[in-house]
Amino acid sequence: MSENEYAAAVAEFLRKKGVTRCPTACVVPTHGRVTEADRAALRNYDAAREAARQEKLDRYQQMLVAS
């Protein structure tokens, strides 16, 4: 299939299905509102991940010192 045929097939599909925007346009951040509870949960999640990362780094550094 040539590039022109492909473009024509995609355009026809979009016309038939009534698609008005590219699905990849949906991956940009939304303008929705996030509740304070969700923000707090995200902060807790980030803090827990950072603590786990730091603990892993500390253990690795202790291993190097002990060697």
N, C-alpha and C. Protein backbone atom coordinates (compact mmCIF):
# COMPACT_ATOMS: atom_id res chain seq x y z
N MET A 1 0.85 -1.17 0.00
CA MET A 1 0.00 0.00 0.00
C MET A 1 0.90 1.23 0.00
N SER A 2 0.64 2.14 -0.92
CA SER A 2 1.45 3.36 -0.99
C SER A 2 1.06 4.32 0.12
N GLU A 3 1.90 5.32 0.32
CA GLU A 3 1.63 6.30 1.37
C GLU A 3 0.33 7.06 1.10
N ASN A 4 0.09 7.37 -0.16
CA ASN A 4 -1.15 8.08 -0.52
C ASN A 4 -2.37 7.21 -0.28
N GLU A 5 -2.27 5.92 -0.62
CA GLU A 5 -3.39 5.00 -0.38
C GLU A 5 -3.66 4.85 1.12
N TYR A 6 -2.58 4.78 1.87
CA TYR A 6 -2.71 4.66 3.33
C TYR A 6 -3.40 5.89 3.91
N ALA A 7 -2.96 7.08 3.49
CA ALA A 7 -3.55 8.32 3.98
C ALA A 7 -5.03 8.39 3.61
N ALA A 8 -5.36 7.96 2.40
CA ALA A 8 -6.76 7.97 1.95
C ALA A 8 -7.59 6.99 2.77
N ALA A 9 -7.03 5.82 3.07
CA ALA A 9 -7.75 4.82 3.86
C ALA A 9 -7.99 5.32 5.28
N VAL A 10 -6.99 5.97 5.86
CA VAL A 10 -7.14 6.52 7.21
C VAL A 10 -8.19 7.62 7.21
N ALA A 11 -8.15 8.52 6.22
CA ALA A 11 -9.13 9.60 6.13
C ALA A 11 -10.54 9.05 5.97
N GLU A 12 -10.69 8.01 5.17
CA GLU A 12 -12.02 7.40 4.98
C GLU A 12 -12.51 6.77 6.28
N PHE A 13 -11.64 6.08 6.98
CA PHE A 13 -12.01 5.48 8.26
C PHE A 13 -12.48 6.55 9.24
N LEU A 14 -11.72 7.64 9.33
CA LEU A 14 -12.08 8.71 10.25
C LEU A 14 -13.43 9.33 9.88
N ARG A 15 -13.68 9.51 8.60
CA ARG A 15 -14.97 10.05 8.16
C ARG A 15 -16.11 9.11 8.50
N LYS A 16 -15.92 7.83 8.24
CA LYS A 16 -16.98 6.85 8.49
C LYS A 16 -17.29 6.69 9.97
N LYS A 17 -16.24 6.71 10.81
CA LYS A 17 -16.42 6.50 12.25
C LYS A 17 -16.78 7.79 12.99
N GLY A 18 -16.66 8.91 12.34
CA GLY A 18 -17.00 10.17 12.98
C GLY A 18 -15.96 10.62 13.99
N VAL A 19 -14.74 10.17 13.84
CA VAL A 19 -13.67 10.57 14.75
C VAL A 19 -13.31 12.02 14.43
N THR A 20 -13.32 12.86 15.46
CA THR A 20 -13.06 14.28 15.23
C THR A 20 -11.71 14.73 15.72
N ARG A 21 -11.02 13.91 16.47
CA ARG A 21 -9.69 14.29 16.94
C ARG A 21 -8.81 13.07 17.06
N CYS A 22 -7.54 13.30 17.02
CA CYS A 22 -6.55 12.24 17.10
C CYS A 22 -6.54 11.66 18.51
N PRO A 23 -6.56 10.33 18.67
CA PRO A 23 -6.54 9.73 20.01
C PRO A 23 -5.30 10.12 20.80
N THR A 24 -4.20 10.41 20.13
CA THR A 24 -3.00 10.79 20.87
C THR A 24 -3.14 12.16 21.49
N ALA A 25 -4.11 12.95 21.05
CA ALA A 25 -4.34 14.25 21.66
C ALA A 25 -4.86 14.10 23.09
N CYS A 26 -5.32 12.92 23.41
CA CYS A 26 -5.88 12.67 24.74
C CYS A 26 -4.80 12.40 25.79
N VAL A 27 -3.57 12.33 25.40
CA VAL A 27 -2.52 12.01 26.37
C VAL A 27 -1.97 13.24 27.07
N VAL A 28 -2.41 14.42 26.68
CA VAL A 28 -1.93 15.63 27.36
C VAL A 28 -2.63 15.73 28.71
N PRO A 29 -2.01 16.43 29.65
CA PRO A 29 -2.63 16.57 30.97
C PRO A 29 -4.02 17.21 30.88
N THR A 30 -4.89 16.75 31.72
CA THR A 30 -6.25 17.29 31.72
C THR A 30 -6.30 18.52 32.62
N HIS A 31 -7.40 19.19 32.55
CA HIS A 31 -7.61 20.36 33.39
C HIS A 31 -8.56 20.03 34.52
N GLY A 32 -8.67 18.76 34.86
CA GLY A 32 -9.56 18.32 35.93
C GLY A 32 -9.04 18.73 37.29
N ARG A 33 -9.91 18.65 38.25
CA ARG A 33 -9.54 19.01 39.62
C ARG A 33 -9.23 17.74 40.40
N VAL A 34 -8.18 17.81 41.19
CA VAL A 34 -7.76 16.68 42.01
C VAL A 34 -8.08 17.02 43.46
N THR A 35 -8.73 16.10 44.13
CA THR A 35 -9.10 16.36 45.52
C THR A 35 -7.88 16.38 46.42
N GLU A 36 -8.00 17.02 47.55
CA GLU A 36 -6.89 17.10 48.50
C GLU A 36 -6.53 15.71 49.02
N ALA A 37 -7.52 14.84 49.18
CA ALA A 37 -7.25 13.47 49.63
C ALA A 37 -6.36 12.74 48.62
N ASP A 38 -6.63 12.93 47.33
CA ASP A 38 -5.82 12.30 46.30
C ASP A 38 -4.40 12.87 46.28
N ARG A 39 -4.29 14.19 46.49
CA ARG A 39 -2.97 14.81 46.55
C ARG A 39 -2.18 14.27 47.74
N ALA A 40 -2.84 14.11 48.88
CA ALA A 40 -2.18 13.57 50.07
C ALA A 40 -1.74 12.13 49.82
N ALA A 41 -2.60 11.35 49.18
CA ALA A 41 -2.24 9.96 48.88
C ALA A 41 -1.04 9.91 47.95
N LEU A 42 -0.98 10.80 46.98
CA LEU A 42 0.16 10.83 46.06
C LEU A 42 1.43 11.25 46.80
N ARG A 43 1.33 12.22 47.70
CA ARG A 43 2.50 12.62 48.49
C ARG A 43 2.99 11.45 49.35
N ASN A 44 2.07 10.72 49.97
CA ASN A 44 2.45 9.56 50.78
C ASN A 44 3.12 8.49 49.93
N TYR A 45 2.56 8.26 48.75
CA TYR A 45 3.12 7.27 47.83
C TYR A 45 4.54 7.67 47.43
N ASP A 46 4.71 8.95 47.07
CA ASP A 46 6.04 9.43 46.69
C ASP A 46 7.02 9.32 47.84
N ALA A 47 6.58 9.65 49.04
CA ALA A 47 7.45 9.58 50.21
C ALA A 47 7.87 8.13 50.48
N ALA A 48 6.93 7.21 50.35
CA ALA A 48 7.24 5.79 50.58
C ALA A 48 8.23 5.28 49.53
N ARG A 49 8.04 5.67 48.28
CA ARG A 49 8.98 5.25 47.23
C ARG A 49 10.37 5.83 47.46
N GLU A 50 10.42 7.09 47.85
CA GLU A 50 11.71 7.73 48.11
C GLU A 50 12.41 7.06 49.30
N ALA A 51 11.64 6.73 50.35
CA ALA A 51 12.23 6.06 51.51
C ALA A 51 12.78 4.69 51.13
N ALA A 52 12.04 3.96 50.30
CA ALA A 52 12.51 2.65 49.86
C ALA A 52 13.76 2.79 48.99
N ARG A 53 13.78 3.80 48.13
CA ARG A 53 14.95 4.04 47.28
C ARG A 53 16.16 4.39 48.14
N GLN A 54 15.96 5.23 49.12
CA GLN A 54 17.06 5.65 49.99
C GLN A 54 17.58 4.47 50.82
N GLU A 55 16.66 3.64 51.30
CA GLU A 55 17.07 2.45 52.07
C GLU A 55 17.89 1.51 51.21
N LYS A 56 17.47 1.30 49.98
CA LYS A 56 18.20 0.43 49.07
C LYS A 56 19.60 1.01 48.80
N LEU A 57 19.67 2.32 48.60
CA LEU A 57 20.96 2.97 48.38
C LEU A 57 21.86 2.84 49.60
N ASP A 58 21.29 3.02 50.78
CA ASP A 58 22.07 2.89 52.02
C ASP A 58 22.63 1.48 52.17
N ARG A 59 21.80 0.47 51.91
CA ARG A 59 22.28 -0.92 52.00
C ARG A 59 23.40 -1.18 51.01
N TYR A 60 23.27 -0.65 49.81
CA TYR A 60 24.29 -0.84 48.78
C TYR A 60 25.60 -0.18 49.23
N GLN A 61 25.51 1.03 49.76
CA GLN A 61 26.71 1.72 50.23
C GLN A 61 27.36 0.97 51.39
N GLN A 62 26.56 0.39 52.28
CA GLN A 62 27.10 -0.39 53.39
C GLN A 62 27.81 -1.63 52.87
N MET A 63 27.28 -2.25 51.83
CA MET A 63 27.92 -3.41 51.23
C MET A 63 29.29 -3.02 50.67
N LEU A 64 29.37 -1.87 50.03
CA LEU A 64 30.64 -1.43 49.45
C LEU A 64 31.67 -1.16 50.54
N VAL A 65 31.24 -0.57 51.64
CA VAL A 65 32.16 -0.26 52.74
C VAL A 65 32.65 -1.56 53.39
N ALA A 66 31.77 -2.53 53.52
CA ALA A 66 32.11 -3.80 54.18
C ALA A 66 33.06 -4.65 53.32
N SER A 67 33.09 -4.39 52.03
CA SER A 67 33.92 -5.22 51.14
C SER A 67 35.38 -4.96 51.29
